[in-house]
Amino acid sequence: MPALTDAPFGGALWNPHDGVVDIHALLQGYLAGARAGGARIAYRRTVRAVEVTAGRIAAVHTDAGTIQTRCLVNAGGGWAGTLGEMAGCGTRTLIPRRRHLFQTLVDGAVDRGWPFVWHNDVDVYFRPEGDGLLMSPCDATPHEAREPMVDEAAQHALAEKLARAFPALATARITSGWRACARSRGTNASSSVVTLRSTASSGSPVSAATG
């Protein structure tokens, strides 16, 4: 892989069976299944309070009205801890965190067959996406449960990590950036995973989780 030219690592672990989940397609599959089962999907509603009676869910109060129910599935993502507190069961240590993802263009052609590559010591990764590479500095900063904004410091962190881990990609140009309180979004379900360790590291390589 040209992207690994001059990369300072002493060994690599390749797992051809790992892949990247297409989060959008997965969500649409869940929604389609829910609709087929009779569920009604309501968007752009803010939960204001969760009513609990005798230790059981009684209703969910939103800015668009009250939903009477005895069952509440907490699938709030970055807001799951807040919903847990509303229901009186605590955050369960669920803390929203912000991670940055950057779409980039690099010098030279990108082969869509390249694997997902994660440098285990520097903690930075890239994988093919569109005509370029999707990259992340692997930040996981605690963040208030609200729509996060891109922090320019993450771009500087990515540049610094690329220079250390993948010198051949140090000139990558960011074309867009998005962020999430959970994990990253992917589209190539057939990607392999390569995990790298530098020559200064001790111990065995550890395969990184993907998705």
N, C-alpha and C. Protein backbone atom coordinates (compact mmCIF):
# COMPACT_ATOMS: atom_id res chain seq x y z
N MET A 1 0.83 -1.20 0.00
CA MET A 1 0.00 0.00 0.00
C MET A 1 0.87 1.25 0.00
N PRO A 2 0.74 2.10 -1.01
CA PRO A 2 1.53 3.33 -1.05
C PRO A 2 1.31 4.21 0.19
N ALA A 3 0.12 4.14 0.76
CA ALA A 3 -0.19 4.98 1.93
C ALA A 3 0.68 4.63 3.13
N LEU A 4 1.28 3.44 3.12
CA LEU A 4 2.11 3.01 4.26
C LEU A 4 3.60 3.23 4.01
N THR A 5 3.95 3.89 2.90
CA THR A 5 5.35 4.17 2.61
C THR A 5 5.97 5.01 3.74
N ASP A 6 7.10 4.54 4.26
CA ASP A 6 7.84 5.21 5.34
C ASP A 6 7.09 5.23 6.67
N ALA A 7 6.01 4.47 6.79
CA ALA A 7 5.30 4.42 8.07
C ALA A 7 6.14 3.67 9.09
N PRO A 8 6.37 4.25 10.27
CA PRO A 8 7.24 3.62 11.27
C PRO A 8 6.49 2.60 12.12
N PHE A 9 6.47 1.35 11.67
CA PHE A 9 5.85 0.31 12.47
C PHE A 9 6.68 -0.96 12.37
N GLY A 10 6.60 -1.75 13.44
CA GLY A 10 7.40 -2.97 13.48
C GLY A 10 6.64 -4.21 13.08
N GLY A 11 5.32 -4.13 13.05
CA GLY A 11 4.52 -5.29 12.70
C GLY A 11 3.08 -4.89 12.47
N ALA A 12 2.33 -5.79 11.87
CA ALA A 12 0.94 -5.50 11.57
C ALA A 12 0.09 -6.75 11.78
N LEU A 13 -1.15 -6.54 12.17
CA LEU A 13 -2.11 -7.62 12.32
C LEU A 13 -3.21 -7.38 11.29
N TRP A 14 -3.41 -8.34 10.39
CA TRP A 14 -4.40 -8.19 9.32
C TRP A 14 -5.54 -9.15 9.58
N ASN A 15 -6.76 -8.62 9.58
CA ASN A 15 -7.94 -9.45 9.75
C ASN A 15 -8.85 -9.26 8.53
N PRO A 16 -8.82 -10.18 7.59
CA PRO A 16 -9.61 -10.02 6.35
C PRO A 16 -11.10 -10.21 6.56
N HIS A 17 -11.50 -10.63 7.76
CA HIS A 17 -12.92 -10.91 8.01
C HIS A 17 -13.65 -9.77 8.71
N ASP A 18 -12.92 -8.77 9.18
CA ASP A 18 -13.57 -7.61 9.79
C ASP A 18 -14.11 -6.70 8.69
N GLY A 19 -14.99 -5.81 9.06
CA GLY A 19 -15.56 -4.89 8.08
C GLY A 19 -16.07 -3.64 8.74
N VAL A 20 -16.73 -2.81 7.97
CA VAL A 20 -17.28 -1.55 8.44
C VAL A 20 -18.78 -1.57 8.22
N VAL A 21 -19.54 -1.25 9.25
CA VAL A 21 -20.99 -1.27 9.17
C VAL A 21 -21.49 0.00 8.50
N ASP A 22 -22.40 -0.14 7.56
CA ASP A 22 -23.08 1.01 6.96
C ASP A 22 -24.19 1.40 7.93
N ILE A 23 -23.91 2.38 8.80
CA ILE A 23 -24.84 2.76 9.86
C ILE A 23 -26.17 3.24 9.30
N HIS A 24 -26.13 4.01 8.21
CA HIS A 24 -27.37 4.51 7.63
C HIS A 24 -28.26 3.36 7.15
N ALA A 25 -27.67 2.42 6.44
CA ALA A 25 -28.45 1.28 5.95
C ALA A 25 -28.96 0.44 7.11
N LEU A 26 -28.14 0.29 8.16
CA LEU A 26 -28.58 -0.49 9.33
C LEU A 26 -29.78 0.17 9.99
N LEU A 27 -29.72 1.50 10.16
CA LEU A 27 -30.82 2.23 10.78
C LEU A 27 -32.09 2.11 9.94
N GLN A 28 -31.95 2.27 8.62
CA GLN A 28 -33.12 2.16 7.75
C GLN A 28 -33.74 0.76 7.82
N GLY A 29 -32.90 -0.24 7.99
CA GLY A 29 -33.41 -1.60 8.15
C GLY A 29 -34.22 -1.75 9.42
N TYR A 30 -33.71 -1.17 10.52
CA TYR A 30 -34.45 -1.19 11.78
C TYR A 30 -35.79 -0.47 11.65
N LEU A 31 -35.78 0.71 11.01
CA LEU A 31 -37.00 1.49 10.86
C LEU A 31 -38.02 0.74 10.00
N ALA A 32 -37.55 0.12 8.93
CA ALA A 32 -38.46 -0.64 8.06
C ALA A 32 -39.08 -1.79 8.83
N GLY A 33 -38.28 -2.47 9.65
CA GLY A 33 -38.81 -3.56 10.45
C GLY A 33 -39.83 -3.08 11.47
N ALA A 34 -39.55 -1.90 12.06
CA ALA A 34 -40.47 -1.34 13.04
C ALA A 34 -41.81 -0.98 12.39
N ARG A 35 -41.73 -0.36 11.21
CA ARG A 35 -42.97 0.00 10.50
C ARG A 35 -43.76 -1.25 10.12
N ALA A 36 -43.05 -2.28 9.68
CA ALA A 36 -43.73 -3.52 9.31
C ALA A 36 -44.44 -4.14 10.51
N GLY A 37 -43.92 -3.86 11.70
CA GLY A 37 -44.53 -4.39 12.92
C GLY A 37 -45.62 -3.50 13.48
N GLY A 38 -45.93 -2.41 12.77
CA GLY A 38 -47.00 -1.53 13.20
C GLY A 38 -46.57 -0.27 13.92
N ALA A 39 -45.28 -0.01 14.03
CA ALA A 39 -44.80 1.18 14.73
C ALA A 39 -45.01 2.43 13.89
N ARG A 40 -45.25 3.55 14.55
CA ARG A 40 -45.32 4.86 13.91
C ARG A 40 -44.07 5.64 14.28
N ILE A 41 -43.40 6.19 13.29
CA ILE A 41 -42.15 6.91 13.51
C ILE A 41 -42.45 8.41 13.58
N ALA A 42 -42.05 9.05 14.67
CA ALA A 42 -42.24 10.49 14.84
C ALA A 42 -40.88 11.15 14.96
N TYR A 43 -40.63 12.17 14.15
CA TYR A 43 -39.35 12.85 14.14
C TYR A 43 -39.43 14.23 14.78
N ARG A 44 -38.26 14.75 15.13
CA ARG A 44 -38.12 16.12 15.65
C ARG A 44 -39.01 16.38 16.86
N ARG A 45 -38.99 15.45 17.80
CA ARG A 45 -39.69 15.63 19.06
C ARG A 45 -38.68 15.53 20.20
N THR A 46 -38.74 16.47 21.09
CA THR A 46 -37.81 16.51 22.22
C THR A 46 -38.51 15.95 23.46
N VAL A 47 -37.88 14.98 24.09
CA VAL A 47 -38.42 14.43 25.33
C VAL A 47 -38.18 15.43 26.45
N ARG A 48 -39.26 15.85 27.10
CA ARG A 48 -39.17 16.81 28.20
C ARG A 48 -39.12 16.11 29.56
N ALA A 49 -39.82 15.00 29.68
CA ALA A 49 -39.88 14.29 30.96
C ALA A 49 -40.36 12.86 30.73
N VAL A 50 -39.97 11.99 31.63
CA VAL A 50 -40.45 10.61 31.63
C VAL A 50 -41.22 10.39 32.93
N GLU A 51 -42.49 10.02 32.80
CA GLU A 51 -43.34 9.84 33.97
C GLU A 51 -43.25 8.40 34.46
N VAL A 52 -42.93 8.25 35.71
CA VAL A 52 -42.81 6.92 36.32
C VAL A 52 -43.82 6.82 37.47
N THR A 53 -44.63 5.76 37.48
CA THR A 53 -45.63 5.53 38.53
C THR A 53 -45.42 4.15 39.13
N ALA A 54 -45.25 4.12 40.45
CA ALA A 54 -45.06 2.85 41.16
C ALA A 54 -43.90 2.05 40.57
N GLY A 55 -42.84 2.78 40.20
CA GLY A 55 -41.65 2.10 39.70
C GLY A 55 -41.74 1.65 38.26
N ARG A 56 -42.78 2.06 37.52
CA ARG A 56 -42.92 1.64 36.12
C ARG A 56 -43.17 2.86 35.24
N ILE A 57 -42.72 2.75 33.98
CA ILE A 57 -42.95 3.82 33.03
C ILE A 57 -44.45 3.99 32.81
N ALA A 58 -44.91 5.25 32.85
CA ALA A 58 -46.33 5.52 32.63
C ALA A 58 -46.55 6.37 31.38
N ALA A 59 -45.62 7.28 31.11
CA ALA A 59 -45.78 8.15 29.94
C ALA A 59 -44.47 8.85 29.63
N VAL A 60 -44.38 9.31 28.39
CA VAL A 60 -43.24 10.12 27.96
C VAL A 60 -43.81 11.45 27.49
N HIS A 61 -43.34 12.53 28.07
CA HIS A 61 -43.82 13.86 27.72
C HIS A 61 -42.84 14.52 26.76
N THR A 62 -43.33 14.93 25.60
CA THR A 62 -42.50 15.56 24.59
C THR A 62 -43.00 16.98 24.31
N ASP A 63 -42.25 17.71 23.52
CA ASP A 63 -42.67 19.07 23.18
C ASP A 63 -43.85 19.07 22.21
N ALA A 64 -44.24 17.88 21.73
CA ALA A 64 -45.38 17.78 20.83
C ALA A 64 -46.55 17.04 21.47
N GLY A 65 -46.46 16.79 22.77
CA GLY A 65 -47.55 16.10 23.44
C GLY A 65 -47.05 14.94 24.28
N THR A 66 -47.99 14.23 24.90
CA THR A 66 -47.67 13.12 25.80
C THR A 66 -48.00 11.78 25.15
N ILE A 67 -47.09 10.84 25.32
CA ILE A 67 -47.28 9.49 24.81
C ILE A 67 -47.48 8.57 26.00
N GLN A 68 -48.66 7.98 26.12
CA GLN A 68 -48.94 7.05 27.20
C GLN A 68 -48.35 5.68 26.82
N THR A 69 -47.48 5.16 27.65
CA THR A 69 -46.85 3.88 27.36
C THR A 69 -46.31 3.27 28.64
N ARG A 70 -46.21 1.96 28.67
CA ARG A 70 -45.62 1.27 29.81
C ARG A 70 -44.25 0.69 29.44
N CYS A 71 -43.81 1.02 28.24
CA CYS A 71 -42.51 0.51 27.79
C CYS A 71 -41.75 1.61 27.08
N LEU A 72 -40.53 1.88 27.52
CA LEU A 72 -39.67 2.88 26.90
C LEU A 72 -38.31 2.24 26.62
N VAL A 73 -37.95 2.18 25.35
CA VAL A 73 -36.63 1.65 24.96
C VAL A 73 -35.68 2.83 24.85
N ASN A 74 -34.64 2.82 25.64
CA ASN A 74 -33.68 3.92 25.64
C ASN A 74 -32.62 3.66 24.56
N ALA A 75 -32.85 4.25 23.40
CA ALA A 75 -31.89 4.15 22.29
C ALA A 75 -31.48 5.55 21.89
N GLY A 76 -31.17 6.37 22.88
CA GLY A 76 -30.90 7.79 22.66
C GLY A 76 -29.50 8.13 22.24
N GLY A 77 -28.64 7.14 22.05
CA GLY A 77 -27.27 7.45 21.63
C GLY A 77 -26.59 8.34 22.65
N GLY A 78 -26.10 9.50 22.19
CA GLY A 78 -25.42 10.43 23.09
C GLY A 78 -26.32 10.98 24.18
N TRP A 79 -27.62 10.84 24.00
CA TRP A 79 -28.58 11.35 24.98
C TRP A 79 -29.10 10.24 25.91
N ALA A 80 -28.58 9.04 25.78
CA ALA A 80 -29.09 7.90 26.55
C ALA A 80 -28.95 8.12 28.05
N GLY A 81 -27.84 8.72 28.48
CA GLY A 81 -27.65 8.97 29.91
C GLY A 81 -28.69 9.94 30.44
N THR A 82 -28.99 10.98 29.66
CA THR A 82 -29.98 11.97 30.07
C THR A 82 -31.36 11.33 30.18
N LEU A 83 -31.72 10.48 29.22
CA LEU A 83 -33.01 9.80 29.27
C LEU A 83 -33.08 8.86 30.48
N GLY A 84 -31.97 8.20 30.77
CA GLY A 84 -31.93 7.32 31.93
C GLY A 84 -32.19 8.08 33.22
N GLU A 85 -31.61 9.27 33.32
CA GLU A 85 -31.84 10.09 34.51
C GLU A 85 -33.30 10.53 34.59
N MET A 86 -33.91 10.88 33.45
CA MET A 86 -35.31 11.26 33.45
C MET A 86 -36.20 10.13 33.95
N ALA A 87 -35.81 8.89 33.62
CA ALA A 87 -36.61 7.74 34.01
C ALA A 87 -36.29 7.27 35.43
N GLY A 88 -35.32 7.93 36.07
CA GLY A 88 -35.00 7.60 37.44
C GLY A 88 -34.08 6.42 37.63
N CYS A 89 -33.43 5.97 36.54
CA CYS A 89 -32.53 4.82 36.67
C CYS A 89 -31.07 5.22 36.50
N GLY A 90 -30.79 6.51 36.42
CA GLY A 90 -29.40 6.97 36.35
C GLY A 90 -28.82 6.89 34.95
N THR A 91 -27.61 7.37 34.80
CA THR A 91 -26.96 7.40 33.49
C THR A 91 -26.40 6.05 33.09
N ARG A 92 -26.24 5.13 34.06
CA ARG A 92 -25.58 3.84 33.78
C ARG A 92 -24.20 4.06 33.16
N THR A 93 -23.54 5.12 33.60
CA THR A 93 -22.18 5.51 33.16
C THR A 93 -22.11 5.82 31.67
N LEU A 94 -23.26 6.05 31.02
CA LEU A 94 -23.25 6.41 29.61
C LEU A 94 -22.92 7.90 29.47
N ILE A 95 -21.76 8.19 28.91
CA ILE A 95 -21.29 9.57 28.78
C ILE A 95 -21.12 9.88 27.30
N PRO A 96 -21.81 10.91 26.80
CA PRO A 96 -21.62 11.27 25.38
C PRO A 96 -20.21 11.77 25.13
N ARG A 97 -19.65 11.35 24.01
CA ARG A 97 -18.30 11.78 23.63
C ARG A 97 -18.30 12.20 22.17
N ARG A 98 -17.45 13.16 21.87
CA ARG A 98 -17.35 13.65 20.50
C ARG A 98 -16.14 13.05 19.82
N ARG A 99 -16.37 12.52 18.63
CA ARG A 99 -15.27 12.02 17.79
C ARG A 99 -15.37 12.66 16.42
N HIS A 100 -14.24 13.10 15.90
CA HIS A 100 -14.21 13.76 14.60
C HIS A 100 -13.85 12.78 13.49
N LEU A 101 -14.52 12.93 12.37
CA LEU A 101 -14.22 12.17 11.15
C LEU A 101 -14.02 13.19 10.03
N PHE A 102 -13.01 12.96 9.22
CA PHE A 102 -12.71 13.90 8.15
C PHE A 102 -12.59 13.16 6.82
N GLN A 103 -13.32 13.64 5.83
CA GLN A 103 -13.17 13.14 4.48
C GLN A 103 -12.01 13.89 3.84
N THR A 104 -11.08 13.16 3.23
CA THR A 104 -9.89 13.79 2.68
C THR A 104 -9.61 13.33 1.26
N LEU A 105 -8.83 14.14 0.56
CA LEU A 105 -8.25 13.76 -0.73
C LEU A 105 -6.74 13.68 -0.52
N VAL A 106 -6.13 12.69 -1.14
CA VAL A 106 -4.69 12.49 -0.97
C VAL A 106 -4.02 12.46 -2.33
N ASP A 107 -2.71 12.67 -2.32
CA ASP A 107 -1.94 12.59 -3.55
C ASP A 107 -1.90 11.13 -4.01
N GLY A 108 -2.16 10.89 -5.28
CA GLY A 108 -2.16 9.53 -5.79
C GLY A 108 -3.54 8.91 -5.71
N ALA A 109 -3.67 7.79 -6.41
CA ALA A 109 -4.96 7.11 -6.47
C ALA A 109 -5.22 6.31 -5.20
N VAL A 110 -6.49 6.22 -4.84
CA VAL A 110 -6.91 5.42 -3.70
C VAL A 110 -7.62 4.17 -4.21
N ASP A 111 -7.16 3.03 -3.78
CA ASP A 111 -7.76 1.76 -4.16
C ASP A 111 -8.89 1.44 -3.18
N ARG A 112 -10.13 1.29 -3.67
CA ARG A 112 -11.25 1.00 -2.78
C ARG A 112 -11.09 -0.34 -2.06
N GLY A 113 -10.14 -1.15 -2.52
CA GLY A 113 -9.89 -2.43 -1.89
C GLY A 113 -8.92 -2.35 -0.72
N TRP A 114 -8.37 -1.15 -0.47
CA TRP A 114 -7.47 -1.01 0.69
C TRP A 114 -8.23 -1.34 1.97
N PRO A 115 -7.53 -1.89 2.95
CA PRO A 115 -8.19 -2.20 4.22
C PRO A 115 -8.36 -0.97 5.11
N PHE A 116 -9.10 -1.15 6.14
CA PHE A 116 -9.22 -0.18 7.23
C PHE A 116 -7.91 -0.27 8.01
N VAL A 117 -7.16 0.83 8.10
CA VAL A 117 -5.84 0.79 8.74
C VAL A 117 -5.85 1.66 9.99
N TRP A 118 -5.50 1.05 11.11
CA TRP A 118 -5.50 1.75 12.40
C TRP A 118 -4.11 1.61 13.03
N HIS A 119 -3.46 2.74 13.30
CA HIS A 119 -2.17 2.69 13.98
C HIS A 119 -2.45 2.64 15.48
N ASN A 120 -2.15 1.53 16.08
CA ASN A 120 -2.57 1.26 17.45
C ASN A 120 -1.88 2.17 18.48
N ASP A 121 -0.65 2.57 18.22
CA ASP A 121 0.09 3.38 19.19
C ASP A 121 -0.22 4.87 19.06
N VAL A 122 -0.24 5.36 17.84
CA VAL A 122 -0.52 6.79 17.62
C VAL A 122 -2.01 7.06 17.74
N ASP A 123 -2.84 6.04 17.54
CA ASP A 123 -4.30 6.13 17.63
C ASP A 123 -4.85 7.06 16.56
N VAL A 124 -4.72 6.63 15.32
CA VAL A 124 -5.26 7.34 14.17
C VAL A 124 -5.60 6.29 13.13
N TYR A 125 -6.65 6.52 12.36
CA TYR A 125 -7.00 5.52 11.35
C TYR A 125 -7.44 6.16 10.04
N PHE A 126 -7.43 5.35 8.99
CA PHE A 126 -7.98 5.77 7.70
C PHE A 126 -8.57 4.56 7.00
N ARG A 127 -9.48 4.83 6.10
CA ARG A 127 -10.06 3.79 5.25
C ARG A 127 -10.60 4.45 3.99
N PRO A 128 -10.72 3.69 2.90
CA PRO A 128 -11.25 4.26 1.66
C PRO A 128 -12.69 4.73 1.83
N GLU A 129 -13.00 5.86 1.25
CA GLU A 129 -14.36 6.41 1.26
C GLU A 129 -14.49 7.32 0.05
N GLY A 130 -15.35 6.96 -0.90
CA GLY A 130 -15.50 7.76 -2.10
C GLY A 130 -14.21 7.79 -2.90
N ASP A 131 -13.81 8.99 -3.30
CA ASP A 131 -12.57 9.14 -4.08
C ASP A 131 -11.35 9.38 -3.20
N GLY A 132 -11.53 9.39 -1.90
CA GLY A 132 -10.41 9.67 -1.00
C GLY A 132 -10.38 8.74 0.18
N LEU A 133 -9.95 9.28 1.31
CA LEU A 133 -9.84 8.49 2.53
C LEU A 133 -10.64 9.17 3.66
N LEU A 134 -11.33 8.37 4.43
CA LEU A 134 -11.96 8.86 5.64
C LEU A 134 -10.97 8.67 6.77
N MET A 135 -10.70 9.74 7.54
CA MET A 135 -9.68 9.68 8.59
C MET A 135 -10.24 10.16 9.92
N SER A 136 -9.64 9.69 10.99
CA SER A 136 -10.03 10.16 12.32
C SER A 136 -8.82 10.20 13.23
N PRO A 137 -8.72 11.27 14.05
CA PRO A 137 -7.67 11.32 15.06
C PRO A 137 -8.03 10.53 16.31
N CYS A 138 -9.18 9.83 16.26
CA CYS A 138 -9.62 8.95 17.35
C CYS A 138 -9.81 9.69 18.67
N ASP A 139 -10.25 10.94 18.58
CA ASP A 139 -10.56 11.67 19.80
C ASP A 139 -11.88 11.15 20.38
N ALA A 140 -12.02 11.24 21.67
CA ALA A 140 -13.25 10.81 22.35
C ALA A 140 -13.45 11.71 23.55
N THR A 141 -13.71 12.98 23.27
CA THR A 141 -13.81 13.99 24.30
C THR A 141 -15.21 14.02 24.91
N PRO A 142 -15.34 13.95 26.25
CA PRO A 142 -16.67 14.08 26.85
C PRO A 142 -17.34 15.36 26.37
N HIS A 143 -18.61 15.26 26.04
CA HIS A 143 -19.31 16.38 25.41
C HIS A 143 -20.74 16.43 25.90
N GLU A 144 -21.25 17.63 26.07
CA GLU A 144 -22.64 17.80 26.47
C GLU A 144 -23.55 17.12 25.45
N ALA A 145 -24.67 16.57 25.92
CA ALA A 145 -25.60 15.87 25.04
C ALA A 145 -26.35 16.88 24.17
N ARG A 146 -25.71 17.32 23.12
CA ARG A 146 -26.30 18.22 22.13
C ARG A 146 -25.51 18.06 20.84
N GLU A 147 -26.04 18.61 19.76
CA GLU A 147 -25.35 18.51 18.47
C GLU A 147 -23.98 19.17 18.57
N PRO A 148 -22.90 18.40 18.39
CA PRO A 148 -21.57 18.98 18.55
C PRO A 148 -21.11 19.72 17.31
N MET A 149 -20.23 20.68 17.52
CA MET A 149 -19.63 21.41 16.43
C MET A 149 -18.20 20.89 16.21
N VAL A 150 -17.71 21.07 14.98
CA VAL A 150 -16.34 20.65 14.68
C VAL A 150 -15.35 21.54 15.43
N ASP A 151 -14.42 20.91 16.11
CA ASP A 151 -13.38 21.61 16.84
C ASP A 151 -12.13 21.64 15.96
N GLU A 152 -11.66 22.84 15.63
CA GLU A 152 -10.49 22.96 14.76
C GLU A 152 -9.27 22.26 15.34
N ALA A 153 -9.23 22.13 16.66
CA ALA A 153 -8.09 21.45 17.29
C ALA A 153 -7.98 20.01 16.81
N ALA A 154 -9.11 19.41 16.45
CA ALA A 154 -9.09 18.02 15.98
C ALA A 154 -8.39 17.92 14.63
N GLN A 155 -8.54 18.94 13.80
CA GLN A 155 -7.83 18.94 12.52
C GLN A 155 -6.32 18.99 12.74
N HIS A 156 -5.89 19.80 13.69
CA HIS A 156 -4.46 19.89 14.00
C HIS A 156 -3.96 18.56 14.59
N ALA A 157 -4.80 17.93 15.42
CA ALA A 157 -4.42 16.65 16.00
C ALA A 157 -4.27 15.59 14.92
N LEU A 158 -5.19 15.61 13.93
CA LEU A 158 -5.11 14.66 12.82
C LEU A 158 -3.82 14.87 12.03
N ALA A 159 -3.50 16.12 11.72
CA ALA A 159 -2.29 16.42 10.94
C ALA A 159 -1.05 15.94 11.68
N GLU A 160 -1.00 16.17 12.99
CA GLU A 160 0.16 15.77 13.80
C GLU A 160 0.29 14.25 13.83
N LYS A 161 -0.84 13.56 13.98
CA LYS A 161 -0.80 12.10 14.05
C LYS A 161 -0.45 11.47 12.70
N LEU A 162 -0.96 12.06 11.62
CA LEU A 162 -0.61 11.54 10.30
C LEU A 162 0.88 11.67 10.04
N ALA A 163 1.46 12.80 10.42
CA ALA A 163 2.89 13.00 10.21
C ALA A 163 3.70 11.95 10.94
N ARG A 164 3.23 11.52 12.11
CA ARG A 164 3.95 10.52 12.90
C ARG A 164 3.69 9.10 12.41
N ALA A 165 2.43 8.79 12.10
CA ALA A 165 2.06 7.40 11.79
C ALA A 165 2.12 7.07 10.31
N PHE A 166 1.67 8.00 9.45
CA PHE A 166 1.59 7.74 8.02
C PHE A 166 2.15 8.94 7.25
N PRO A 167 3.47 9.09 7.19
CA PRO A 167 4.08 10.25 6.54
C PRO A 167 3.61 10.45 5.10
N ALA A 168 3.30 9.36 4.41
CA ALA A 168 2.87 9.48 3.01
C ALA A 168 1.52 10.17 2.88
N LEU A 169 0.78 10.27 3.98
CA LEU A 169 -0.54 10.90 3.95
C LEU A 169 -0.53 12.28 4.61
N ALA A 170 0.64 12.77 4.96
CA ALA A 170 0.74 14.03 5.69
C ALA A 170 0.21 15.22 4.90
N THR A 171 0.13 15.09 3.57
CA THR A 171 -0.36 16.19 2.75
C THR A 171 -1.84 16.05 2.41
N ALA A 172 -2.53 15.15 3.11
CA ALA A 172 -3.96 14.94 2.86
C ALA A 172 -4.72 16.25 3.04
N ARG A 173 -5.68 16.49 2.16
CA ARG A 173 -6.47 17.73 2.19
C ARG A 173 -7.89 17.42 2.66
N ILE A 174 -8.31 18.06 3.71
CA ILE A 174 -9.65 17.84 4.25
C ILE A 174 -10.68 18.51 3.35
N THR A 175 -11.67 17.73 2.92
CA THR A 175 -12.74 18.28 2.08
C THR A 175 -14.03 18.47 2.85
N SER A 176 -14.23 17.71 3.91
CA SER A 176 -15.41 17.88 4.75
C SER A 176 -15.15 17.17 6.07
N GLY A 177 -15.92 17.57 7.06
CA GLY A 177 -15.78 16.94 8.37
C GLY A 177 -17.14 16.80 9.02
N TRP A 178 -17.35 15.68 9.71
CA TRP A 178 -18.54 15.55 10.50
C TRP A 178 -18.17 14.87 11.80
N ARG A 179 -19.06 14.80 12.72
CA ARG A 179 -18.71 14.35 14.06
C ARG A 179 -19.90 13.63 14.67
N ALA A 180 -19.64 12.85 15.68
CA ALA A 180 -20.71 12.09 16.31
C ALA A 180 -20.38 11.86 17.77
N CYS A 181 -21.40 11.66 18.57
CA CYS A 181 -21.19 11.36 19.97
C CYS A 181 -20.87 9.88 20.16
N ALA A 182 -21.14 9.07 19.13
CA ALA A 182 -20.88 7.64 19.25
C ALA A 182 -19.75 7.27 18.30
N ARG A 183 -19.93 6.19 17.51
CA ARG A 183 -18.88 5.75 16.61
C ARG A 183 -19.08 6.30 15.22
N SER A 184 -18.12 5.93 14.33
CA SER A 184 -18.13 6.52 13.01
C SER A 184 -19.09 5.81 12.06
N ARG A 185 -19.41 6.50 10.95
CA ARG A 185 -20.28 5.95 9.91
C ARG A 185 -19.41 5.38 8.80
N GLY A 186 -19.84 4.24 8.24
CA GLY A 186 -19.07 3.64 7.17
C GLY A 186 -19.97 3.10 6.08
N THR A 187 -19.39 2.81 4.93
CA THR A 187 -20.20 2.31 3.82
C THR A 187 -19.63 1.06 3.18
N ASN A 188 -18.38 0.73 3.46
CA ASN A 188 -17.76 -0.40 2.77
C ASN A 188 -17.76 -1.62 3.68
N ALA A 189 -18.76 -2.46 3.53
CA ALA A 189 -18.94 -3.58 4.44
C ALA A 189 -17.94 -4.70 4.20
N SER A 190 -17.13 -4.61 3.14
CA SER A 190 -16.19 -5.70 2.85
C SER A 190 -14.76 -5.35 3.21
N SER A 191 -14.56 -4.25 3.91
CA SER A 191 -13.20 -3.84 4.25
C SER A 191 -12.52 -4.80 5.21
N SER A 192 -11.21 -4.96 5.04
CA SER A 192 -10.41 -5.70 6.00
C SER A 192 -9.86 -4.71 7.01
N VAL A 193 -9.19 -5.21 8.02
CA VAL A 193 -8.59 -4.35 9.03
C VAL A 193 -7.12 -4.69 9.19
N VAL A 194 -6.27 -3.67 9.17
CA VAL A 194 -4.86 -3.83 9.48
C VAL A 194 -4.56 -2.95 10.69
N THR A 195 -3.98 -3.53 11.73
CA THR A 195 -3.61 -2.77 12.91
C THR A 195 -2.09 -2.75 13.01
N LEU A 196 -1.52 -1.56 13.20
CA LEU A 196 -0.08 -1.40 13.20
C LEU A 196 0.44 -1.06 14.58
N ARG A 197 1.67 -1.50 14.88
CA ARG A 197 2.35 -1.11 16.10
C ARG A 197 3.73 -0.60 15.73
N SER A 198 4.17 0.44 16.43
CA SER A 198 5.46 1.03 16.12
C SER A 198 6.60 0.17 16.66
N THR A 199 7.80 0.45 16.19
CA THR A 199 8.96 -0.33 16.62
C THR A 199 9.30 -0.07 18.08
N ALA A 200 8.78 1.02 18.64
CA ALA A 200 9.09 1.36 20.03
C ALA A 200 8.13 0.71 21.02
N SER A 201 7.13 0.00 20.51
CA SER A 201 6.10 -0.57 21.38
C SER A 201 6.51 -1.94 21.88
N SER A 202 5.97 -2.30 23.02
CA SER A 202 6.18 -3.64 23.54
C SER A 202 4.87 -4.38 23.54
N GLY A 203 4.92 -5.71 23.58
CA GLY A 203 3.69 -6.48 23.61
C GLY A 203 3.25 -6.85 22.21
N SER A 204 2.10 -7.52 22.15
CA SER A 204 1.57 -8.00 20.87
C SER A 204 0.60 -7.01 20.26
N PRO A 205 0.42 -7.07 18.94
CA PRO A 205 -0.55 -6.19 18.29
C PRO A 205 -1.96 -6.50 18.81
N VAL A 206 -2.78 -5.49 18.84
CA VAL A 206 -4.16 -5.64 19.28
C VAL A 206 -5.07 -5.17 18.16
N SER A 207 -5.97 -6.01 17.72
CA SER A 207 -6.88 -5.64 16.64
C SER A 207 -7.87 -4.60 17.13
N ALA A 208 -8.11 -3.57 16.32
CA ALA A 208 -9.04 -2.51 16.70
C ALA A 208 -10.46 -2.89 16.31
N ALA A 209 -11.42 -2.47 17.11
CA ALA A 209 -12.82 -2.65 16.77
C ALA A 209 -13.18 -1.68 15.66
N THR A 210 -14.08 -2.07 14.79
CA THR A 210 -14.51 -1.20 13.70
C THR A 210 -15.99 -0.95 13.78
N GLY A 211 -16.40 0.07 13.03
CA GLY A 211 -17.84 0.36 12.98
C GLY A 211 -18.08 1.79 13.38
